[in-house]
């Protein structure tokens, strides 16, 4: 007669969950004994770095800079005085990790765990499929771009991933239920997302994504404008609140705008020849050749690259067509697919024209993993349904 399809689903999900737990345990075992935060080391590192001494021979890495800034922020230092070109929220979260766990690494691991849960929730709520949700979580867990966020810590990209997925959960839920509660939380997580890294770019990135989404959905203009207004309103309020310490120490709104202007000037004065880096991310994905913007723009391999990168990039992109074309029946997943399509179009444009670090691909591959999980999850479901009918 064959096996019961429900038992097959249960067994498959159990295997995926076991592999997820096993993978995370490897990281926990490897990094459980990380050294405690040493404030004197990071202070000396910063004071002798290129950020204080022009042309210093003792450069400080991003991880070290964020660690030092995070500790000082938690102590109450004005966030515009140290590493002001990057918004403060991510560094406050790193500082919270230092305050609670006495190291700057735990925050990334916790953010990674919550991201995995959020990815499962996003996919499950959109597809009503435990298989698709488990598969999306599994693909993320074994992804090397995700691993890199747990190895070279602390970084800010894992926090962005968490807030992007959380925003997606509430935004897709709002599209289904039109509950203002979901719209408010969409705006809040929109604000968190734009408060981690360069504000203006990520603000435009998500707004352009939303514009494309509503165009794909053929939404009425009045709903379109209303949703964008509230999401942006709550998002900008959150962004403003991340500078609370600046205002507590006497800063005013005019000065705050001056800080934002300075940040724009800081990035716009870059001496990088952008044209030499166009499409750099595609060379990295397909050929493991990453061009860096120093000297003669040397090319490096990336040690976390694997052959599955180009495969997942192509398959994830191709999966969009059948997912959008197929009628969904009882469970409508098209809002999530449309949203991810809009985001991938905008984000690919950003990656094509700007200098990148390999870690920027985290926000590219996780949506692709989700699309693959939805596609193959539905394929597995259809196979099991056919088996069920054959059994009967």
Protein backbone atom coordinates (compact mmCIF):
# COMPACT_ATOMS: atom_id res chain seq x y z
CA UNK A 1 0.00 0.00 0.00
CA UNK A 2 2.87 2.44 0.68
CA UNK A 3 3.51 4.92 3.42
CA UNK A 4 1.00 7.44 4.79
CA UNK A 5 1.82 10.89 3.27
CA UNK A 6 1.43 12.52 6.68
CA UNK A 7 4.13 10.29 8.12
CA UNK A 8 6.37 11.14 5.16
CA UNK A 9 5.86 14.88 5.83
CA UNK A 10 6.57 14.38 9.52
CA UNK A 11 9.74 12.41 8.79
CA UNK A 12 10.99 15.00 6.28
CA UNK A 13 10.38 17.91 8.63
CA UNK A 14 12.02 16.00 11.48
CA UNK A 15 15.14 15.43 9.35
CA UNK A 16 15.30 19.11 8.35
CA UNK A 17 14.86 20.30 11.94
CA UNK A 18 17.52 17.87 13.15
CA UNK A 19 19.98 19.14 10.54
CA UNK A 20 19.23 22.74 11.52
CA UNK A 21 19.84 22.01 15.22
CA UNK A 22 23.00 20.05 14.41
CA UNK A 23 24.39 22.90 12.30
CA UNK A 24 23.68 25.50 14.99
CA UNK A 25 25.19 23.29 17.69
CA UNK A 26 28.43 23.17 15.72
CA UNK A 27 28.61 26.96 15.82
CA UNK A 28 27.66 27.11 19.48
CA UNK A 29 30.30 24.53 20.41
CA UNK A 30 32.96 26.31 18.37
CA UNK A 31 32.27 29.80 19.73
CA UNK A 32 30.92 29.15 23.24
CA UNK A 33 34.28 30.00 24.83
CA UNK A 34 34.89 33.28 23.01
CA UNK A 35 36.91 35.76 25.00
CA UNK A 36 35.18 38.38 27.12
CA UNK A 37 35.08 41.93 25.86
CA UNK A 38 38.32 43.79 26.61
CA UNK A 39 37.54 47.54 26.69
CA UNK A 40 41.20 48.62 26.94
CA UNK A 41 42.21 46.60 23.88
CA UNK A 42 39.47 48.07 21.69
CA UNK A 43 40.02 51.60 22.98
CA UNK A 44 43.74 51.45 22.18
CA UNK A 45 42.97 49.84 18.85
CA UNK A 46 40.61 52.68 17.96
CA UNK A 47 42.84 55.52 19.20
CA UNK A 48 45.72 54.25 17.05
CA UNK A 49 43.58 53.50 13.99
CA UNK A 50 42.99 55.29 10.71
CA UNK A 51 39.87 56.90 12.19
CA UNK A 52 41.96 58.93 14.63
CA UNK A 53 45.42 59.08 13.03
CA UNK A 54 45.46 59.80 9.31
CA UNK A 55 47.57 57.23 7.46
CA UNK A 56 47.87 54.99 10.51
CA UNK A 57 49.69 51.68 10.05
CA UNK A 58 47.35 50.07 12.58
CA UNK A 59 44.00 49.82 10.79
CA UNK A 60 40.92 48.77 12.72
CA UNK A 61 38.47 46.34 11.12
CA UNK A 62 34.73 46.94 10.95
CA UNK A 63 34.16 44.26 13.59
CA UNK A 64 36.57 45.96 15.98
CA UNK A 65 35.21 49.43 15.24
CA UNK A 66 31.62 48.33 15.88
CA UNK A 67 32.69 46.60 19.10
CA UNK A 68 34.40 49.72 20.43
CA UNK A 69 31.55 52.03 19.38
CA UNK A 70 28.96 49.65 20.86
CA UNK A 71 30.67 49.61 24.25
CA UNK A 72 30.95 53.39 24.32
CA UNK A 73 27.33 53.83 23.25
CA UNK A 74 26.12 51.60 26.07
CA UNK A 75 28.18 53.70 28.49
CA UNK A 76 26.25 56.75 27.28
CA UNK A 77 28.54 58.36 24.72
CA UNK A 78 26.84 60.52 22.11
CA UNK A 79 26.46 58.24 19.02
CA UNK A 80 27.48 61.01 16.61
CA UNK A 81 30.98 61.15 18.14
CA UNK A 82 32.13 57.61 17.25
CA UNK A 83 31.46 55.92 13.90
CA UNK A 84 28.71 58.46 13.05
CA UNK A 85 28.59 57.46 9.37
CA UNK A 86 26.69 54.31 10.40
CA UNK A 87 23.33 54.61 12.26
CA UNK A 88 23.48 53.57 15.92
CA UNK A 89 20.84 50.84 16.28
CA UNK A 90 23.02 47.87 15.32
CA UNK A 91 25.80 49.06 17.62
CA UNK A 92 23.35 49.47 20.48
CA UNK A 93 22.38 45.82 19.98
CA UNK A 94 26.05 44.81 20.02
CA UNK A 95 26.50 46.92 23.15
CA UNK A 96 23.56 45.13 24.74
CA UNK A 97 25.34 41.84 24.03
CA UNK A 98 28.43 43.18 25.80
CA UNK A 99 26.37 44.37 28.77
CA UNK A 100 24.45 41.09 29.18
CA UNK A 101 26.99 38.44 28.11
CA UNK A 102 30.27 40.35 28.53
CA UNK A 103 31.14 39.70 24.88
CA UNK A 104 30.16 41.21 21.56
CA UNK A 105 29.57 37.91 19.77
CA UNK A 106 26.41 36.56 21.41
CA UNK A 107 24.17 39.22 19.87
CA UNK A 108 24.88 38.01 16.34
CA UNK A 109 24.17 34.41 17.29
CA UNK A 110 20.86 35.35 18.94
CA UNK A 111 19.89 37.53 15.97
CA UNK A 112 20.69 34.58 13.71
CA UNK A 113 18.46 32.23 15.71
CA UNK A 114 15.55 34.70 15.71
CA UNK A 115 16.07 35.24 11.96
CA UNK A 116 15.68 31.49 11.38
CA UNK A 117 12.45 31.43 13.38
CA UNK A 118 11.19 34.51 11.51
CA UNK A 119 11.97 32.92 8.13
CA UNK A 120 9.97 29.84 9.10
CA UNK A 121 7.06 31.99 10.27
CA UNK A 122 7.13 34.10 7.08
CA UNK A 123 7.08 31.09 4.76
CA UNK A 124 4.62 29.06 6.81
CA UNK A 125 2.11 31.90 7.14
CA UNK A 126 2.32 32.55 3.40
CA UNK A 127 2.13 28.94 2.22
CA UNK A 128 0.55 27.03 5.12
CA UNK A 129 3.26 24.46 4.45
CA UNK A 130 5.46 23.12 7.22
CA UNK A 131 7.68 21.55 4.55
CA UNK A 132 8.31 24.89 2.79
CA UNK A 133 8.91 26.67 6.10
CA UNK A 134 11.34 24.01 7.33
CA UNK A 135 13.13 23.91 3.97
CA UNK A 136 13.59 27.70 3.93
CA UNK A 137 15.01 27.57 7.44
CA UNK A 138 17.31 24.69 6.54
CA UNK A 139 18.65 26.39 3.39
CA UNK A 140 19.43 29.48 5.42
CA UNK A 141 21.13 27.50 8.19
CA UNK A 142 23.53 25.79 5.78
CA UNK A 143 24.15 28.91 3.67
CA UNK A 144 27.77 30.11 3.86
CA UNK A 145 26.72 33.78 3.69
CA UNK A 146 24.72 33.10 6.86
CA UNK A 147 27.63 31.21 8.42
CA UNK A 148 29.94 34.18 7.77
CA UNK A 149 27.70 36.34 9.96
CA UNK A 150 28.25 33.94 12.85
CA UNK A 151 32.00 33.64 12.31
CA UNK A 152 33.23 37.20 11.71
CA UNK A 153 31.35 38.94 14.49
CA UNK A 154 30.05 41.35 15.28
CA UNK A 155 28.65 42.52 11.96
CA UNK A 156 25.53 44.53 11.17
CA UNK A 157 24.12 42.53 8.25
CA UNK A 158 22.57 39.83 10.44
CA UNK A 159 20.52 42.49 12.24
CA UNK A 160 19.39 43.85 8.88
CA UNK A 161 18.33 40.36 7.84
CA UNK A 162 16.32 39.95 11.04
CA UNK A 163 14.52 43.26 10.53
CA UNK A 164 13.95 42.66 6.82
CA UNK A 165 12.33 39.27 7.45
CA UNK A 166 10.30 40.67 10.37
CA UNK A 167 9.10 43.53 8.18
CA UNK A 168 8.13 40.99 5.51
CA UNK A 169 6.10 38.95 8.01
CA UNK A 170 3.95 41.91 9.08
CA UNK A 171 3.72 43.46 5.63
CA UNK A 172 2.51 40.24 3.98
CA UNK A 173 0.11 39.68 6.90
CA UNK A 174 -1.26 43.18 6.33
CA UNK A 175 -1.85 42.46 2.65
CA UNK A 176 -3.97 39.47 3.64
CA UNK A 177 -5.93 40.94 6.52
CA UNK A 178 -5.79 44.74 6.09
CA UNK A 179 -5.38 45.04 9.86
CA UNK A 180 -3.88 48.41 10.82
CA UNK A 181 -1.99 46.67 13.63
CA UNK A 182 0.11 44.85 11.01
CA UNK A 183 0.73 48.10 9.15
CA UNK A 184 2.05 49.75 12.32
CA UNK A 185 4.48 46.91 12.96
CA UNK A 186 5.51 46.94 9.32
CA UNK A 187 6.47 50.59 9.82
CA UNK A 188 8.33 49.83 13.05
CA UNK A 189 10.46 47.11 11.44
CA UNK A 190 10.93 49.32 8.38
CA UNK A 191 12.45 51.81 10.82
CA UNK A 192 14.66 49.18 12.42
CA UNK A 193 15.88 48.08 8.99
CA UNK A 194 16.91 51.58 7.88
CA UNK A 195 18.54 52.28 11.27
CA UNK A 196 21.31 49.67 10.99
CA UNK A 197 23.38 50.81 8.00
CA UNK A 198 23.57 53.81 5.62
CA UNK A 199 20.09 55.30 6.10
CA UNK A 200 19.41 56.96 2.76
CA UNK A 201 20.25 53.96 0.62
CA UNK A 202 18.26 51.42 2.61
CA UNK A 203 15.35 53.86 2.95
CA UNK A 204 15.20 54.17 -0.85
CA UNK A 205 15.78 50.43 -1.29
CA UNK A 206 12.74 49.44 0.72
CA UNK A 207 10.52 52.25 -0.58
CA UNK A 208 11.30 51.37 -4.20
CA UNK A 209 10.57 47.75 -3.34
CA UNK A 210 7.17 48.72 -1.97
CA UNK A 211 6.37 50.86 -5.03
CA UNK A 212 7.19 47.95 -7.34
CA UNK A 213 5.18 45.55 -5.17
CA UNK A 214 2.04 47.67 -5.39
CA UNK A 215 2.51 48.07 -9.13
CA UNK A 216 2.82 44.28 -9.52
CA UNK A 217 -0.28 43.87 -7.35
CA UNK A 218 -2.20 46.51 -9.34
CA UNK A 219 -3.36 48.11 -6.11
CA UNK A 220 -5.58 51.19 -6.12
CA UNK A 221 -3.62 54.42 -5.84
CA UNK A 222 -5.37 55.55 -2.64
CA UNK A 223 -4.38 52.34 -0.79
CA UNK A 224 -0.91 52.56 -2.29
CA UNK A 225 -0.30 56.08 -0.97
CA UNK A 226 -1.92 55.45 2.43
CA UNK A 227 0.19 52.35 3.13
CA UNK A 228 3.42 54.04 2.06
CA UNK A 229 2.62 57.09 4.18
CA UNK A 230 2.09 55.13 7.39
CA UNK A 231 5.01 52.77 6.85
CA UNK A 232 7.34 55.70 6.19
CA UNK A 233 5.93 57.72 9.06
CA UNK A 234 6.46 55.03 11.67
CA UNK A 235 9.79 54.07 10.12
CA UNK A 236 11.18 57.60 10.28
CA UNK A 237 9.98 58.00 13.87
CA UNK A 238 11.87 54.83 14.82
CA UNK A 239 14.99 56.08 13.01
CA UNK A 240 14.78 59.37 14.89
CA UNK A 241 14.39 57.55 18.22
CA UNK A 242 17.61 55.55 17.65
CA UNK A 243 19.40 58.88 18.20
CA UNK A 244 17.71 59.39 21.58
CA UNK A 245 21.03 59.79 23.36
CA UNK A 246 22.00 62.61 21.01
CA UNK A 247 18.82 64.48 21.95
CA UNK A 248 19.16 63.71 25.68
CA UNK A 249 22.64 65.28 25.60
CA UNK A 250 21.25 68.50 24.18
CA UNK A 251 21.09 67.91 20.45
CA UNK A 252 18.27 69.49 18.47
CA UNK A 253 16.45 68.54 15.29
CA UNK A 254 18.37 71.00 13.15
CA UNK A 255 21.64 69.49 14.36
CA UNK A 256 20.26 66.02 13.66
CA UNK A 257 19.60 67.01 10.05
CA UNK A 258 23.13 68.37 9.92
CA UNK A 259 24.46 64.96 10.98
CA UNK A 260 22.47 63.30 8.19
CA UNK A 261 23.89 65.78 5.68
CA UNK A 262 27.41 65.02 6.93
CA UNK A 263 26.79 61.27 6.48
CA UNK A 264 25.69 61.85 2.89
CA UNK A 265 28.78 63.98 2.27
CA UNK A 266 31.00 61.31 3.80
CA UNK A 267 29.78 58.65 1.36
CA UNK A 268 29.46 60.90 -1.68
CA UNK A 269 33.11 62.03 -1.45
CA UNK A 270 34.42 58.53 -2.09
CA UNK A 271 37.34 58.37 -4.54
CA UNK A 272 36.36 54.91 -5.77
CA UNK A 273 36.03 54.52 -9.55
CA UNK A 274 32.58 52.92 -9.54
CA UNK A 275 32.70 51.99 -13.24
CA UNK A 276 35.53 49.53 -12.54
CA UNK A 277 33.31 47.66 -10.11
CA UNK A 278 30.07 47.35 -12.09
CA UNK A 279 28.77 43.79 -11.94
CA UNK A 280 31.41 42.85 -9.36
CA UNK A 281 28.88 40.83 -7.38
CA UNK A 282 28.10 38.64 -10.40
CA UNK A 283 31.78 37.79 -10.83
CA UNK A 284 31.82 36.81 -7.18
CA UNK A 285 28.71 34.65 -7.44
CA UNK A 286 29.59 32.85 -10.67
CA UNK A 287 33.41 32.79 -10.70
CA UNK A 288 34.50 33.48 -7.10
CA UNK A 289 36.42 36.58 -8.20
CA UNK A 290 35.90 39.60 -5.98
CA UNK A 291 37.43 42.92 -6.98
CA UNK A 292 38.41 45.20 -4.11
CA UNK A 293 38.56 48.98 -4.43
CA UNK A 294 42.15 49.69 -3.40
CA UNK A 295 45.29 50.39 -5.44
CA UNK A 296 44.87 48.73 -8.81
CA UNK A 297 41.59 47.09 -7.81
CA UNK A 298 43.02 43.63 -7.06
CA UNK A 299 40.88 40.51 -7.47
CA UNK A 300 40.51 38.02 -4.61
CA UNK A 301 38.75 34.70 -4.11
CA UNK A 302 36.28 34.47 -1.23
CA UNK A 303 36.91 31.54 1.07
CA UNK A 304 33.21 30.98 1.88
CA UNK A 305 32.19 30.73 -1.77
CA UNK A 306 30.74 27.40 -2.87
CA UNK A 307 29.52 25.98 -6.16
CA UNK A 308 25.91 26.21 -4.93
CA UNK A 309 26.04 30.02 -5.16
CA UNK A 310 25.56 30.27 -8.93
CA UNK A 311 23.16 27.30 -8.86
CA UNK A 312 20.93 28.87 -6.19
CA UNK A 313 21.14 32.29 -7.85
CA UNK A 314 19.89 30.90 -11.16
CA UNK A 315 17.33 28.45 -9.76
CA UNK A 316 15.97 30.96 -7.26
CA UNK A 317 15.53 33.55 -10.00
CA UNK A 318 13.91 31.05 -12.39
CA UNK A 319 11.50 29.85 -9.69
CA UNK A 320 9.79 33.25 -9.75
CA UNK A 321 8.04 32.49 -13.05
CA UNK A 322 6.20 29.27 -12.08
CA UNK A 323 5.39 30.66 -8.62
CA UNK A 324 3.74 33.76 -10.09
CA UNK A 325 2.07 31.91 -12.97
CA UNK A 326 0.52 29.05 -11.01
CA UNK A 327 -2.90 29.54 -9.45
CA UNK A 328 -2.61 29.11 -5.72
CA UNK A 329 -6.05 27.83 -4.81
CA UNK A 330 -6.80 28.05 -1.09
CA UNK A 331 -3.46 29.41 0.10
CA UNK A 332 -2.31 32.55 -1.69
CA UNK A 333 1.45 32.99 -1.70
CA UNK A 334 1.70 35.52 -4.49
CA UNK A 335 2.00 38.54 -2.19
CA UNK A 336 5.19 37.15 -0.69
CA UNK A 337 6.55 36.17 -4.12
CA UNK A 338 5.71 39.61 -5.57
CA UNK A 339 7.38 41.31 -2.62
CA UNK A 340 10.54 39.21 -2.94
CA UNK A 341 10.60 39.79 -6.71
CA UNK A 342 10.39 43.55 -6.18
CA UNK A 343 13.12 43.46 -3.54
CA UNK A 344 15.44 41.32 -5.65
CA UNK A 345 15.05 43.61 -8.67
CA UNK A 346 15.98 46.69 -6.65
CA UNK A 347 18.72 45.01 -4.63
CA UNK A 348 20.35 43.48 -7.70
CA UNK A 349 20.48 46.97 -9.19
CA UNK A 350 22.21 48.25 -6.07
CA UNK A 351 24.73 45.41 -6.06
CA UNK A 352 25.49 45.89 -9.75
CA UNK A 353 26.44 49.57 -9.52
CA UNK A 354 28.09 49.89 -6.10
CA UNK A 355 31.21 48.53 -4.35
CA UNK A 356 30.36 45.46 -2.31
CA UNK A 357 31.66 43.29 0.45
CA UNK A 358 30.74 39.58 0.12
CA UNK A 359 28.57 39.88 3.22
CA UNK A 360 26.19 42.12 1.26
CA UNK A 361 25.02 38.96 -0.49
CA UNK A 362 23.21 37.87 2.68
CA UNK A 363 20.19 39.97 1.71
CA UNK A 364 20.35 38.54 -1.80
CA UNK A 365 20.58 34.82 -1.09
CA UNK A 366 18.08 34.54 1.76
CA UNK A 367 15.15 35.73 -0.41
CA UNK A 368 16.36 33.36 -3.14
CA UNK A 369 16.46 30.52 -0.59
CA UNK A 370 12.88 31.35 0.43
CA UNK A 371 11.71 31.23 -3.20
CA UNK A 372 13.45 27.89 -3.73
CA UNK A 373 11.92 26.52 -0.54
CA UNK A 374 8.43 27.58 -1.62
CA UNK A 375 8.86 26.07 -5.08
CA UNK A 376 10.31 22.74 -3.97
CA UNK A 377 8.02 22.62 -0.95
CA UNK A 378 5.01 22.81 -3.27
CA UNK A 379 6.58 20.22 -5.55
CA UNK A 380 6.98 17.83 -2.62
CA UNK A 381 3.41 18.55 -1.49
CA UNK A 382 2.08 17.70 -4.96
CA UNK A 383 4.06 14.45 -5.03
CA UNK A 384 2.64 13.48 -1.64
CA UNK A 385 -0.88 14.33 -2.76
CA UNK A 386 -0.47 12.04 -5.78
CA UNK A 387 0.83 9.30 -3.50
CA UNK A 388 -2.22 9.76 -1.28
CA UNK A 389 -4.60 9.35 -4.19
CA UNK A 390 -2.74 6.28 -5.37
CA UNK A 391 -3.03 4.77 -1.89
CA UNK A 392 -6.77 5.36 -1.94
